[in-house]
Amino acid sequence: MEQSLPVYILSGFLGSGKTTLLQRLLEHWKTQGLRPAVIMNELGEVNLDGLLVEQSVPMAEMLGGCICCTSRGDLSTELTTLVKKESPDVVVIEATGAANPLEIVDAVTETSLYQQVELKGLITVVDAAHLLELYRSQQGATYRLMQEQIRCASVLILNKTDRISAEEAEEITVVLRKWNAYAEIMPAVRCELEPEALLGNIGGVYSEERGVTEENEHSEQDGDARQMHASHDHVMAYTHYFKNPVNSEAFERFVKELPRDVYRAKGIVSFNDTSSRFLFQYAYREADFMKITPQGEVPDVAVFIGEHFSSSELRTELLRLEKRLLARPAAVKRSL
């Protein structure tokens, strides 16, 4: 099965050091022989940060608006176009400092319905001194936005620690842990971190390893891997690509019984007891199924968005659904 494309979101308030980190990540991937690509969002009409990125790196620019508001609907299109045109090995989306990460997560996972992409992580860069100042005043839209960017992160980079004292660093670390009890906190100066260590600490956005075979799914080694993933179950999104159709009634029950911490789900599924494919949407504890005939090679996929739910448990249950015996058509009485 074709390997899916990893996508990372780079978040953080204006001036926190996102572009510096982006340069380090791009250089890391290039030295590994990979072809990275970038989607860069700017509020203004000129992409000044983009001038700092090496010209050999494919880039899509979204200017004149924030991804999560006026330009949000364009992100999925930009990502799809970039993937088809450049065939990258990894994509980084650097959001404007004014962006709400939740909206970007939703837009990226929308792409996974018709493109083989998986959201791997959301990295938030925090300006230590700036956040400490805002925390002590505890007011303003900037303060609330920073809270949201920190709360959603898979990993937090506490940057510019050279500008605060050891006592202040301890104080702000307590604040970060209060807002996000799960993400790894990595102190840094000018985002000087080992990229491998950073990427290795991203466990907050989990997506299934698609190289797992039927034979080794329940092996001891695979069990250990699932246990490791389970320890990182502060998740923003879990993407599951189906290898087999599932029973419609069993899948509907599964969706109805989703944990309350899953607040959004969507996908395209094939049922083994009907002749059609369906688009499903789930929000506010309600699910909707619509019969569709997708054009082109569209995968069967389900995406779950939320916090603190166990992605490993969802994966286990979905794999169980895929292995259920074909239901007899005569026994199915339903109208989707």
C-alpha atoms as a PDB file:
ATOM      1  CA  MET A   1       0.000   0.000   0.000  1.00  0.00           C
ATOM      2  CA  GLU A   2       1.255   3.488  -0.852  1.00  0.00           C
ATOM      3  CA  GLN A   3       2.910   5.293   2.064  1.00  0.00           C
ATOM      4  CA  SER A   4       1.031   8.358   3.241  1.00  0.00           C
ATOM      5  CA  LEU A   5       2.639  11.792   3.307  1.00  0.00           C
ATOM      6  CA  PRO A   6       3.522  13.193   6.774  1.00  0.00           C
ATOM      7  CA  VAL A   7       2.379  16.763   7.470  1.00  0.00           C
ATOM      8  CA  TYR A   8       3.507  18.928  10.393  1.00  0.00           C
ATOM      9  CA  ILE A   9       1.953  22.191  11.596  1.00  0.00           C
ATOM     10  CA  LEU A  10       4.291  24.839  12.995  1.00  0.00           C
ATOM     11  CA  SER A  11       2.526  27.217  15.368  1.00  0.00           C
ATOM     12  CA  GLY A  12       3.519  30.027  17.723  1.00  0.00           C
ATOM     13  CA  PHE A  13       2.977  33.718  18.231  1.00  0.00           C
ATOM     14  CA  LEU A  14       4.641  36.419  16.124  1.00  0.00           C
ATOM     15  CA  GLY A  15       8.394  36.556  16.655  1.00  0.00           C
ATOM     16  CA  SER A  16       8.610  33.356  18.685  1.00  0.00           C
ATOM     17  CA  GLY A  17      11.130  31.715  16.342  1.00  0.00           C
ATOM     18  CA  LYS A  18       8.996  29.585  14.013  1.00  0.00           C
ATOM     19  CA  THR A  19      10.918  30.416  10.829  1.00  0.00           C
ATOM     20  CA  THR A  20      14.264  29.689  12.515  1.00  0.00           C
ATOM     21  CA  LEU A  21      12.960  26.275  13.525  1.00  0.00           C
ATOM     22  CA  LEU A  22      11.575  25.721  10.036  1.00  0.00           C
ATOM     23  CA  GLN A  23      15.021  26.298   8.533  1.00  0.00           C
ATOM     24  CA  ARG A  24      16.551  23.736  10.907  1.00  0.00           C
ATOM     25  CA  LEU A  25      13.913  21.123  10.082  1.00  0.00           C
ATOM     26  CA  LEU A  26      14.277  21.634   6.341  1.00  0.00           C
ATOM     27  CA  GLU A  27      18.047  21.236   6.527  1.00  0.00           C
ATOM     28  CA  HIS A  28      17.630  18.077   8.625  1.00  0.00           C
ATOM     29  CA  TRP A  29      15.293  16.447   6.116  1.00  0.00           C
ATOM     30  CA  LYS A  30      17.467  17.423   3.160  1.00  0.00           C
ATOM     31  CA  THR A  31      20.551  15.855   4.735  1.00  0.00           C
ATOM     32  CA  GLN A  32      18.491  12.658   5.028  1.00  0.00           C
ATOM     33  CA  GLY A  33      17.899  12.736   1.292  1.00  0.00           C
ATOM     34  CA  LEU A  34      14.237  13.720   1.671  1.00  0.00           C
ATOM     35  CA  ARG A  35      12.365  16.334  -0.325  1.00  0.00           C
ATOM     36  CA  PRO A  36      10.528  18.709   2.053  1.00  0.00           C
ATOM     37  CA  ALA A  37       7.942  21.295   1.020  1.00  0.00           C
ATOM     38  CA  VAL A  38       6.422  24.272   2.834  1.00  0.00           C
ATOM     39  CA  ILE A  39       3.098  26.053   3.003  1.00  0.00           C
ATOM     40  CA  MET A  40       3.703  29.473   4.520  1.00  0.00           C
ATOM     41  CA  ASN A  41       0.929  31.785   5.698  1.00  0.00           C
ATOM     42  CA  GLU A  42       1.353  35.549   6.148  1.00  0.00           C
ATOM     43  CA  LEU A  43      -1.176  38.212   7.134  1.00  0.00           C
ATOM     44  CA  GLY A  44       0.403  40.728   4.770  1.00  0.00           C
ATOM     45  CA  GLU A  45       0.650  40.741   1.002  1.00  0.00           C
ATOM     46  CA  VAL A  46       4.384  39.934   0.961  1.00  0.00           C
ATOM     47  CA  ASN A  47       5.953  36.752   2.333  1.00  0.00           C
ATOM     48  CA  LEU A  48       9.073  38.141   4.026  1.00  0.00           C
ATOM     49  CA  ASP A  49       9.729  34.970   6.051  1.00  0.00           C
ATOM     50  CA  GLY A  50       9.641  32.974   2.834  1.00  0.00           C
ATOM     51  CA  LEU A  51      12.711  34.858   1.630  1.00  0.00           C
ATOM     52  CA  LEU A  52      14.684  33.163   4.413  1.00  0.00           C
ATOM     53  CA  VAL A  53      13.874  29.661   3.143  1.00  0.00           C
ATOM     54  CA  GLU A  54      16.219  28.155   0.600  1.00  0.00           C
ATOM     55  CA  GLN A  55      14.906  28.517  -2.936  1.00  0.00           C
ATOM     56  CA  SER A  56      15.333  24.808  -3.677  1.00  0.00           C
ATOM     57  CA  VAL A  57      12.510  23.989  -1.233  1.00  0.00           C
ATOM     58  CA  PRO A  58       9.079  23.937  -2.934  1.00  0.00           C
ATOM     59  CA  MET A  59       6.783  26.473  -1.286  1.00  0.00           C
ATOM     60  CA  ALA A  60       3.159  27.498  -1.488  1.00  0.00           C
ATOM     61  CA  GLU A  61       2.325  30.962  -0.169  1.00  0.00           C
ATOM     62  CA  MET A  62      -0.978  31.986   1.398  1.00  0.00           C
ATOM     63  CA  LEU A  63      -0.865  35.756   1.730  1.00  0.00           C
ATOM     64  CA  GLY A  64      -3.220  38.502   2.826  1.00  0.00           C
ATOM     65  CA  GLY A  65      -5.123  36.520   5.438  1.00  0.00           C
ATOM     66  CA  CYS A  66      -4.957  33.958   8.202  1.00  0.00           C
ATOM     67  CA  ILE A  67      -5.426  30.273   7.375  1.00  0.00           C
ATOM     68  CA  CYS A  68      -7.986  29.890  10.129  1.00  0.00           C
ATOM     69  CA  CYS A  69     -10.287  32.672   8.922  1.00  0.00           C
ATOM     70  CA  THR A  70     -10.383  34.277   5.451  1.00  0.00           C
ATOM     71  CA  SER A  71      -7.996  31.789   3.807  1.00  0.00           C
ATOM     72  CA  ARG A  72      -8.933  28.646   5.675  1.00  0.00           C
ATOM     73  CA  GLY A  73     -10.939  27.184   2.799  1.00  0.00           C
ATOM     74  CA  ASP A  74      -7.889  27.495   0.537  1.00  0.00           C
ATOM     75  CA  LEU A  75      -5.509  25.458   2.696  1.00  0.00           C
ATOM     76  CA  SER A  76      -6.798  22.068   1.604  1.00  0.00           C
ATOM     77  CA  THR A  77      -6.558  23.153  -2.050  1.00  0.00           C
ATOM     78  CA  GLU A  78      -3.028  24.520  -1.579  1.00  0.00           C
ATOM     79  CA  LEU A  79      -1.882  21.325   0.117  1.00  0.00           C
ATOM     80  CA  THR A  80      -3.405  19.112  -2.563  1.00  0.00           C
ATOM     81  CA  THR A  81      -1.850  21.184  -5.368  1.00  0.00           C
ATOM     82  CA  LEU A  82       1.567  21.213  -3.708  1.00  0.00           C
ATOM     83  CA  VAL A  83       1.544  17.434  -3.239  1.00  0.00           C
ATOM     84  CA  LYS A  84       0.514  16.727  -6.830  1.00  0.00           C
ATOM     85  CA  LYS A  85       2.942  19.236  -8.339  1.00  0.00           C
ATOM     86  CA  GLU A  86       6.054  18.649  -6.217  1.00  0.00           C
ATOM     87  CA  SER A  87       5.691  15.083  -4.827  1.00  0.00           C
ATOM     88  CA  PRO A  88       7.402  15.959  -1.524  1.00  0.00           C
ATOM     89  CA  ASP A  89       8.385  13.463   1.182  1.00  0.00           C
ATOM     90  CA  VAL A  90       7.217  15.716   4.026  1.00  0.00           C
ATOM     91  CA  VAL A  91       5.244  18.983   4.290  1.00  0.00           C
ATOM     92  CA  VAL A  92       5.443  21.707   6.931  1.00  0.00           C
ATOM     93  CA  ILE A  93       2.699  24.293   7.322  1.00  0.00           C
ATOM     94  CA  GLU A  94       3.993  27.432   9.030  1.00  0.00           C
ATOM     95  CA  ALA A  95       0.965  29.343  10.239  1.00  0.00           C
ATOM     96  CA  THR A  96       0.809  33.041  10.907  1.00  0.00           C
ATOM     97  CA  GLY A  97       1.240  33.888  14.579  1.00  0.00           C
ATOM     98  CA  ALA A  98      -2.419  34.924  14.724  1.00  0.00           C
ATOM     99  CA  ALA A  99      -3.735  31.517  13.660  1.00  0.00           C
ATOM    100  CA  ASN A 100      -5.868  29.221  15.794  1.00  0.00           C
ATOM    101  CA  PRO A 101      -4.312  25.744  15.413  1.00  0.00           C
ATOM    102  CA  LEU A 102      -7.636  23.910  15.741  1.00  0.00           C
ATOM    103  CA  GLU A 103      -8.892  25.418  12.492  1.00  0.00           C
ATOM    104  CA  ILE A 104      -5.698  24.418  10.683  1.00  0.00           C
ATOM    105  CA  VAL A 105      -5.955  20.864  12.001  1.00  0.00           C
ATOM    106  CA  ASP A 106      -9.476  20.665  10.606  1.00  0.00           C
ATOM    107  CA  ALA A 107      -8.381  21.947   7.196  1.00  0.00           C
ATOM    108  CA  VAL A 108      -5.408  19.563   6.969  1.00  0.00           C
ATOM    109  CA  THR A 109      -7.446  16.517   7.912  1.00  0.00           C
ATOM    110  CA  GLU A 110     -10.013  17.499   5.285  1.00  0.00           C
ATOM    111  CA  THR A 111      -7.297  16.861   2.691  1.00  0.00           C
ATOM    112  CA  SER A 112      -6.785  13.316   3.986  1.00  0.00           C
ATOM    113  CA  LEU A 113     -10.238  12.396   2.660  1.00  0.00           C
ATOM    114  CA  TYR A 114      -8.965  12.431  -0.914  1.00  0.00           C
ATOM    115  CA  GLN A 115      -5.169  12.594  -0.615  1.00  0.00           C
ATOM    116  CA  GLN A 116      -2.797  10.157   1.124  1.00  0.00           C
ATOM    117  CA  VAL A 117      -1.682  12.584   3.843  1.00  0.00           C
ATOM    118  CA  GLU A 118      -1.431  12.188   7.630  1.00  0.00           C
ATOM    119  CA  LEU A 119      -1.142  14.928  10.199  1.00  0.00           C
ATOM    120  CA  LYS A 120       1.851  13.901  12.306  1.00  0.00           C
ATOM    121  CA  GLY A 121       2.261  16.702  14.795  1.00  0.00           C
ATOM    122  CA  LEU A 122       1.624  20.254  15.880  1.00  0.00           C
ATOM    123  CA  ILE A 123       4.754  22.039  17.105  1.00  0.00           C
ATOM    124  CA  THR A 124       4.268  25.253  19.084  1.00  0.00           C
ATOM    125  CA  VAL A 125       7.197  27.628  19.605  1.00  0.00           C
ATOM    126  CA  VAL A 126       6.841  29.761  22.738  1.00  0.00           C
ATOM    127  CA  ASP A 127       8.680  33.041  23.376  1.00  0.00           C
ATOM    128  CA  ALA A 128       9.492  32.506  27.069  1.00  0.00           C
ATOM    129  CA  ALA A 129       9.785  36.180  28.094  1.00  0.00           C
ATOM    130  CA  HIS A 130       6.736  37.279  26.100  1.00  0.00           C
ATOM    131  CA  LEU A 131       4.533  34.538  27.521  1.00  0.00           C
ATOM    132  CA  LEU A 132       5.697  35.288  31.072  1.00  0.00           C
ATOM    133  CA  GLU A 133       4.736  38.939  30.625  1.00  0.00           C
ATOM    134  CA  LEU A 134       1.307  38.008  29.247  1.00  0.00           C
ATOM    135  CA  TYR A 135       0.698  35.430  31.953  1.00  0.00           C
ATOM    136  CA  ARG A 136       1.370  37.944  34.702  1.00  0.00           C
ATOM    137  CA  SER A 137      -1.151  40.368  33.220  1.00  0.00           C
ATOM    138  CA  GLN A 138      -3.595  37.620  32.149  1.00  0.00           C
ATOM    139  CA  GLN A 139      -5.576  39.727  29.737  1.00  0.00           C
ATOM    140  CA  GLY A 140      -5.998  40.502  26.064  1.00  0.00           C
ATOM    141  CA  ALA A 141      -6.640  38.563  22.864  1.00  0.00           C
ATOM    142  CA  THR A 142      -2.940  37.726  22.475  1.00  0.00           C
ATOM    143  CA  TYR A 143      -2.914  35.961  25.832  1.00  0.00           C
ATOM    144  CA  ARG A 144      -5.953  33.869  24.944  1.00  0.00           C
ATOM    145  CA  LEU A 145      -4.516  32.964  21.540  1.00  0.00           C
ATOM    146  CA  MET A 146      -1.234  31.859  23.110  1.00  0.00           C
ATOM    147  CA  GLN A 147      -3.173  29.647  25.493  1.00  0.00           C
ATOM    148  CA  GLU A 148      -4.899  27.984  22.537  1.00  0.00           C
ATOM    149  CA  GLN A 149      -1.641  27.472  20.629  1.00  0.00           C
ATOM    150  CA  ILE A 150      -0.040  25.882  23.692  1.00  0.00           C
ATOM    151  CA  ARG A 151      -3.041  23.757  24.626  1.00  0.00           C
ATOM    152  CA  CYS A 152      -3.180  22.170  21.161  1.00  0.00           C
ATOM    153  CA  ALA A 153       0.520  21.353  20.825  1.00  0.00           C
ATOM    154  CA  SER A 154       2.032  17.911  20.424  1.00  0.00           C
ATOM    155  CA  VAL A 155       5.389  19.315  21.549  1.00  0.00           C
ATOM    156  CA  LEU A 156       6.279  22.712  23.053  1.00  0.00           C
ATOM    157  CA  ILE A 157       9.550  24.527  22.369  1.00  0.00           C
ATOM    158  CA  LEU A 158      10.235  27.010  25.169  1.00  0.00           C
ATOM    159  CA  ASN A 159      12.412  29.332  23.119  1.00  0.00           C
ATOM    160  CA  LYS A 160      14.602  32.314  24.098  1.00  0.00           C
ATOM    161  CA  THR A 161      15.316  30.913  27.554  1.00  0.00           C
ATOM    162  CA  ASP A 162      18.476  33.052  27.628  1.00  0.00           C
ATOM    163  CA  ARG A 163      16.227  36.069  28.192  1.00  0.00           C
ATOM    164  CA  ILE A 164      14.741  34.837  31.468  1.00  0.00           C
ATOM    165  CA  SER A 165      16.171  33.729  34.807  1.00  0.00           C
ATOM    166  CA  ALA A 166      16.195  30.154  36.091  1.00  0.00           C
ATOM    167  CA  GLU A 167      13.375  31.015  38.498  1.00  0.00           C
ATOM    168  CA  GLU A 168      11.308  32.527  35.687  1.00  0.00           C
ATOM    169  CA  ALA A 169      11.967  29.482  33.509  1.00  0.00           C
ATOM    170  CA  GLU A 170      10.608  27.287  36.280  1.00  0.00           C
ATOM    171  CA  GLU A 171       7.562  29.531  36.681  1.00  0.00           C
ATOM    172  CA  ILE A 172       6.716  29.505  32.994  1.00  0.00           C
ATOM    173  CA  THR A 173       7.261  25.739  32.760  1.00  0.00           C
ATOM    174  CA  VAL A 174       4.603  25.287  35.449  1.00  0.00           C
ATOM    175  CA  VAL A 175       2.260  27.451  33.357  1.00  0.00           C
ATOM    176  CA  LEU A 176       2.901  25.385  30.220  1.00  0.00           C
ATOM    177  CA  ARG A 177       2.274  22.157  32.091  1.00  0.00           C
ATOM    178  CA  LYS A 178      -0.976  23.553  33.509  1.00  0.00           C
ATOM    179  CA  TRP A 179      -2.244  24.412  30.042  1.00  0.00           C
ATOM    180  CA  ASN A 180      -0.927  21.259  28.372  1.00  0.00           C
ATOM    181  CA  ALA A 181      -0.247  18.296  30.636  1.00  0.00           C
ATOM    182  CA  TYR A 182       0.866  15.976  27.821  1.00  0.00           C
ATOM    183  CA  ALA A 183       3.211  17.713  25.385  1.00  0.00           C
ATOM    184  CA  GLU A 184       6.961  17.399  25.803  1.00  0.00           C
ATOM    185  CA  ILE A 185       8.531  20.748  26.820  1.00  0.00           C
ATOM    186  CA  MET A 186      11.907  21.406  25.166  1.00  0.00           C
ATOM    187  CA  PRO A 187      13.847  24.501  26.331  1.00  0.00           C
ATOM    188  CA  ALA A 188      15.906  26.207  23.629  1.00  0.00           C
ATOM    189  CA  VAL A 189      17.831  29.293  22.565  1.00  0.00           C
ATOM    190  CA  ARG A 190      17.270  30.321  18.926  1.00  0.00           C
ATOM    191  CA  CYS A 191      15.508  26.954  18.474  1.00  0.00           C
ATOM    192  CA  GLU A 192      18.828  25.118  18.631  1.00  0.00           C
ATOM    193  CA  LEU A 193      17.479  21.608  19.055  1.00  0.00           C
ATOM    194  CA  GLU A 194      18.377  18.275  17.564  1.00  0.00           C
ATOM    195  CA  PRO A 195      15.671  17.772  14.908  1.00  0.00           C
ATOM    196  CA  GLU A 196      15.633  14.014  15.521  1.00  0.00           C
ATOM    197  CA  ALA A 197      14.964  14.578  19.233  1.00  0.00           C
ATOM    198  CA  LEU A 198      12.217  17.064  18.425  1.00  0.00           C
ATOM    199  CA  LEU A 199      10.466  14.859  15.884  1.00  0.00           C
ATOM    200  CA  GLY A 200      10.889  11.852  18.168  1.00  0.00           C
ATOM    201  CA  ASN A 201       9.001  13.684  20.919  1.00  0.00           C
ATOM    202  CA  ILE A 202       5.968  14.318  18.732  1.00  0.00           C
ATOM    203  CA  GLY A 203       3.416  11.814  19.928  1.00  0.00           C
ATOM    204  CA  GLY A 204       0.430  14.108  20.286  1.00  0.00           C
ATOM    205  CA  VAL A 205      -0.880  13.512  16.779  1.00  0.00           C
ATOM    206  CA  TYR A 206      -1.020   9.801  16.166  1.00  0.00           C
ATOM    207  CA  SER A 207      -1.617   8.076  12.836  1.00  0.00           C
ATOM    208  CA  GLU A 208      -1.400   4.388  12.139  1.00  0.00           C
ATOM    209  CA  GLU A 209       1.771   2.847  10.791  1.00  0.00           C
ATOM    210  CA  ARG A 210       0.507   1.604   7.482  1.00  0.00           C
ATOM    211  CA  GLY A 211       3.329  -0.865   6.970  1.00  0.00           C
ATOM    212  CA  VAL A 212       1.871  -3.164   9.655  1.00  0.00           C
ATOM    213  CA  THR A 213       0.770  -6.415   8.070  1.00  0.00           C
ATOM    214  CA  GLU A 214      -2.106  -8.710   8.947  1.00  0.00           C
ATOM    215  CA  GLU A 215       0.362 -11.336  10.161  1.00  0.00           C
ATOM    216  CA  ASN A 216       2.257  -9.148  12.626  1.00  0.00           C
ATOM    217  CA  GLU A 217      -0.555  -6.903  13.844  1.00  0.00           C
ATOM    218  CA  HIS A 218      -0.845  -8.897  17.055  1.00  0.00           C
ATOM    219  CA  SER A 219       2.785  -9.829  17.472  1.00  0.00           C
ATOM    220  CA  GLU A 220       4.644  -9.055  20.668  1.00  0.00           C
ATOM    221  CA  GLN A 221       6.696  -6.410  18.884  1.00  0.00           C
ATOM    222  CA  ASP A 222       3.598  -4.671  17.518  1.00  0.00           C
ATOM    223  CA  GLY A 223       2.005  -4.832  20.952  1.00  0.00           C
ATOM    224  CA  ASP A 224       5.014  -3.018  22.382  1.00  0.00           C
ATOM    225  CA  ALA A 225       4.710  -0.372  19.676  1.00  0.00           C
ATOM    226  CA  ARG A 226       1.030   0.160  20.448  1.00  0.00           C
ATOM    227  CA  GLN A 227       1.880   0.512  24.131  1.00  0.00           C
ATOM    228  CA  MET A 228       4.450   3.182  23.283  1.00  0.00           C
ATOM    229  CA  HIS A 229       1.875   5.099  21.239  1.00  0.00           C
ATOM    230  CA  ALA A 230      -0.648   4.761  24.046  1.00  0.00           C
ATOM    231  CA  SER A 231       1.680   6.700  26.319  1.00  0.00           C
ATOM    232  CA  HIS A 232       1.268   9.701  24.014  1.00  0.00           C
ATOM    233  CA  ASP A 233      -2.484   9.849  23.956  1.00  0.00           C
ATOM    234  CA  HIS A 234      -2.921  13.612  24.064  1.00  0.00           C
ATOM    235  CA  VAL A 235      -4.011  13.616  20.456  1.00  0.00           C
ATOM    236  CA  MET A 236      -5.244  16.223  18.047  1.00  0.00           C
ATOM    237  CA  ALA A 237      -5.988  13.900  15.152  1.00  0.00           C
ATOM    238  CA  TYR A 238      -5.870  10.200  14.378  1.00  0.00           C
ATOM    239  CA  THR A 239      -6.043   9.102  10.735  1.00  0.00           C
ATOM    240  CA  HIS A 240      -7.019   5.530   9.909  1.00  0.00           C
ATOM    241  CA  TYR A 241      -6.807   4.245   6.334  1.00  0.00           C
ATOM    242  CA  PHE A 242      -8.971   1.159   5.822  1.00  0.00           C
ATOM    243  CA  LYS A 243      -7.643  -1.915   4.073  1.00  0.00           C
ATOM    244  CA  ASN A 244     -11.053  -3.631   4.036  1.00  0.00           C
ATOM    245  CA  PRO A 245     -14.739  -2.630   4.006  1.00  0.00           C
ATOM    246  CA  VAL A 246     -16.653  -2.759   7.288  1.00  0.00           C
ATOM    247  CA  ASN A 247     -20.171  -3.659   8.370  1.00  0.00           C
ATOM    248  CA  SER A 248     -22.431  -0.604   8.246  1.00  0.00           C
ATOM    249  CA  GLU A 249     -24.374  -1.246  11.440  1.00  0.00           C
ATOM    250  CA  ALA A 250     -21.236  -2.062  13.427  1.00  0.00           C
ATOM    251  CA  PHE A 251     -19.538   1.094  12.151  1.00  0.00           C
ATOM    252  CA  GLU A 252     -22.532   3.259  13.041  1.00  0.00           C
ATOM    253  CA  ARG A 253     -22.473   1.831  16.568  1.00  0.00           C
ATOM    254  CA  PHE A 254     -18.764   2.538  16.767  1.00  0.00           C
ATOM    255  CA  VAL A 255     -19.317   6.181  15.770  1.00  0.00           C
ATOM    256  CA  LYS A 256     -22.198   6.612  18.234  1.00  0.00           C
ATOM    257  CA  GLU A 257     -20.000   5.297  21.053  1.00  0.00           C
ATOM    258  CA  LEU A 258     -16.990   7.515  20.334  1.00  0.00           C
ATOM    259  CA  PRO A 259     -15.419   9.043  23.468  1.00  0.00           C
ATOM    260  CA  ARG A 260     -16.715  12.495  24.368  1.00  0.00           C
ATOM    261  CA  ASP A 261     -13.219  13.874  23.902  1.00  0.00           C
ATOM    262  CA  VAL A 262     -13.553  13.143  20.172  1.00  0.00           C
ATOM    263  CA  TYR A 263     -15.391  16.261  19.081  1.00  0.00           C
ATOM    264  CA  ARG A 264     -15.066  15.895  15.300  1.00  0.00           C
ATOM    265  CA  ALA A 265     -14.784  12.962  12.910  1.00  0.00           C
ATOM    266  CA  LYS A 266     -15.133  12.540   9.169  1.00  0.00           C
ATOM    267  CA  GLY A 267     -14.247  10.111   6.459  1.00  0.00           C
ATOM    268  CA  ILE A 268     -15.124   7.940   3.467  1.00  0.00           C
ATOM    269  CA  VAL A 269     -16.005   4.297   4.076  1.00  0.00           C
ATOM    270  CA  SER A 270     -17.022   1.254   2.073  1.00  0.00           C
ATOM    271  CA  PHE A 271     -19.492  -1.128   3.696  1.00  0.00           C
ATOM    272  CA  ASN A 272     -19.485  -4.873   3.092  1.00  0.00           C
ATOM    273  CA  ASP A 273     -23.283  -5.050   3.307  1.00  0.00           C
ATOM    274  CA  THR A 274     -24.115  -2.283   0.797  1.00  0.00           C
ATOM    275  CA  SER A 275     -22.994  -1.548  -2.734  1.00  0.00           C
ATOM    276  CA  SER A 276     -22.110   2.127  -2.215  1.00  0.00           C
ATOM    277  CA  ARG A 277     -19.465   4.223  -0.510  1.00  0.00           C
ATOM    278  CA  PHE A 278     -20.416   6.792   2.100  1.00  0.00           C
ATOM    279  CA  LEU A 279     -19.122  10.090   3.382  1.00  0.00           C
ATOM    280  CA  PHE A 280     -19.648  10.388   7.119  1.00  0.00           C
ATOM    281  CA  GLN A 281     -19.490  13.466   9.328  1.00  0.00           C
ATOM    282  CA  TYR A 282     -19.581  13.520  13.122  1.00  0.00           C
ATOM    283  CA  ALA A 283     -19.899  16.571  15.378  1.00  0.00           C
ATOM    284  CA  TYR A 284     -21.604  17.443  18.654  1.00  0.00           C
ATOM    285  CA  ARG A 285     -22.401  13.764  19.304  1.00  0.00           C
ATOM    286  CA  GLU A 286     -24.367  13.505  16.049  1.00  0.00           C
ATOM    287  CA  ALA A 287     -23.410  11.533  12.935  1.00  0.00           C
ATOM    288  CA  ASP A 288     -24.532  11.886   9.336  1.00  0.00           C
ATOM    289  CA  PHE A 289     -23.950   9.468   6.422  1.00  0.00           C
ATOM    290  CA  MET A 290     -24.282  10.415   2.756  1.00  0.00           C
ATOM    291  CA  LYS A 291     -24.014   8.079  -0.239  1.00  0.00           C
ATOM    292  CA  ILE A 292     -21.307   9.262  -2.634  1.00  0.00           C
ATOM    293  CA  THR A 293     -19.558   8.223  -5.836  1.00  0.00           C
ATOM    294  CA  PRO A 294     -16.075   9.768  -5.472  1.00  0.00           C
ATOM    295  CA  GLN A 295     -14.133  10.588  -8.611  1.00  0.00           C
ATOM    296  CA  GLY A 296     -10.585   9.273  -9.040  1.00  0.00           C
ATOM    297  CA  GLU A 297      -8.610   7.148  -6.584  1.00  0.00           C
ATOM    298  CA  VAL A 298     -10.090   8.202  -3.250  1.00  0.00           C
ATOM    299  CA  PRO A 299      -9.032   6.124  -0.215  1.00  0.00           C
ATOM    300  CA  ASP A 300     -11.291   4.731   2.489  1.00  0.00           C
ATOM    301  CA  VAL A 301     -10.290   6.750   5.518  1.00  0.00           C
ATOM    302  CA  ALA A 302     -11.558   7.984   8.878  1.00  0.00           C
ATOM    303  CA  VAL A 303     -10.183  11.008  10.743  1.00  0.00           C
ATOM    304  CA  PHE A 304     -10.862  11.700  14.419  1.00  0.00           C
ATOM    305  CA  ILE A 305     -10.093  15.072  16.024  1.00  0.00           C
ATOM    306  CA  GLY A 306     -10.095  15.816  19.727  1.00  0.00           C
ATOM    307  CA  GLU A 307      -8.086  15.692  22.942  1.00  0.00           C
ATOM    308  CA  HIS A 308      -7.065  13.113  25.525  1.00  0.00           C
ATOM    309  CA  PHE A 309      -8.705  10.195  23.720  1.00  0.00           C
ATOM    310  CA  SER A 310      -6.801   6.978  23.126  1.00  0.00           C
ATOM    311  CA  SER A 311      -5.841   6.685  19.472  1.00  0.00           C
ATOM    312  CA  SER A 312      -4.538   3.162  20.086  1.00  0.00           C
ATOM    313  CA  GLU A 313      -7.961   2.056  21.339  1.00  0.00           C
ATOM    314  CA  LEU A 314      -9.671   3.538  18.272  1.00  0.00           C
ATOM    315  CA  ARG A 315      -7.188   1.791  16.005  1.00  0.00           C
ATOM    316  CA  THR A 316      -7.730  -1.557  17.731  1.00  0.00           C
ATOM    317  CA  GLU A 317     -11.496  -1.279  17.382  1.00  0.00           C
ATOM    318  CA  LEU A 318     -11.326  -0.208  13.726  1.00  0.00           C
ATOM    319  CA  LEU A 319      -9.037  -3.121  12.881  1.00  0.00           C
ATOM    320  CA  ARG A 320     -11.540  -5.413  14.608  1.00  0.00           C
ATOM    321  CA  LEU A 321     -14.339  -3.983  12.466  1.00  0.00           C
ATOM    322  CA  GLU A 322     -12.300  -4.629   9.328  1.00  0.00           C
ATOM    323  CA  LYS A 323     -11.952  -8.310  10.263  1.00  0.00           C
ATOM    324  CA  ARG A 324     -15.631  -8.957  10.922  1.00  0.00           C
ATOM    325  CA  LEU A 325     -17.287 -11.489   8.629  1.00  0.00           C
ATOM    326  CA  LEU A 326     -19.432 -10.173   5.805  1.00  0.00           C
ATOM    327  CA  ALA A 327     -22.968  -9.605   7.023  1.00  0.00           C
ATOM    328  CA  ARG A 328     -25.761 -11.178   5.023  1.00  0.00           C
ATOM    329  CA  PRO A 329     -27.458  -8.452   2.925  1.00  0.00           C
ATOM    330  CA  ALA A 330     -30.903  -9.819   3.876  1.00  0.00           C
ATOM    331  CA  ALA A 331     -30.178  -9.171   7.531  1.00  0.00           C
ATOM    332  CA  VAL A 332     -29.457  -5.495   6.990  1.00  0.00           C
ATOM    333  CA  LYS A 333     -32.424  -3.203   7.422  1.00  0.00           C
ATOM    334  CA  ARG A 334     -31.265   0.371   7.333  1.00  0.00           C
ATOM    335  CA  SER A 335     -31.481   3.513   5.271  1.00  0.00           C
ATOM    336  CA  LEU A 336     -28.383   5.612   4.985  1.00  0.00           C
END
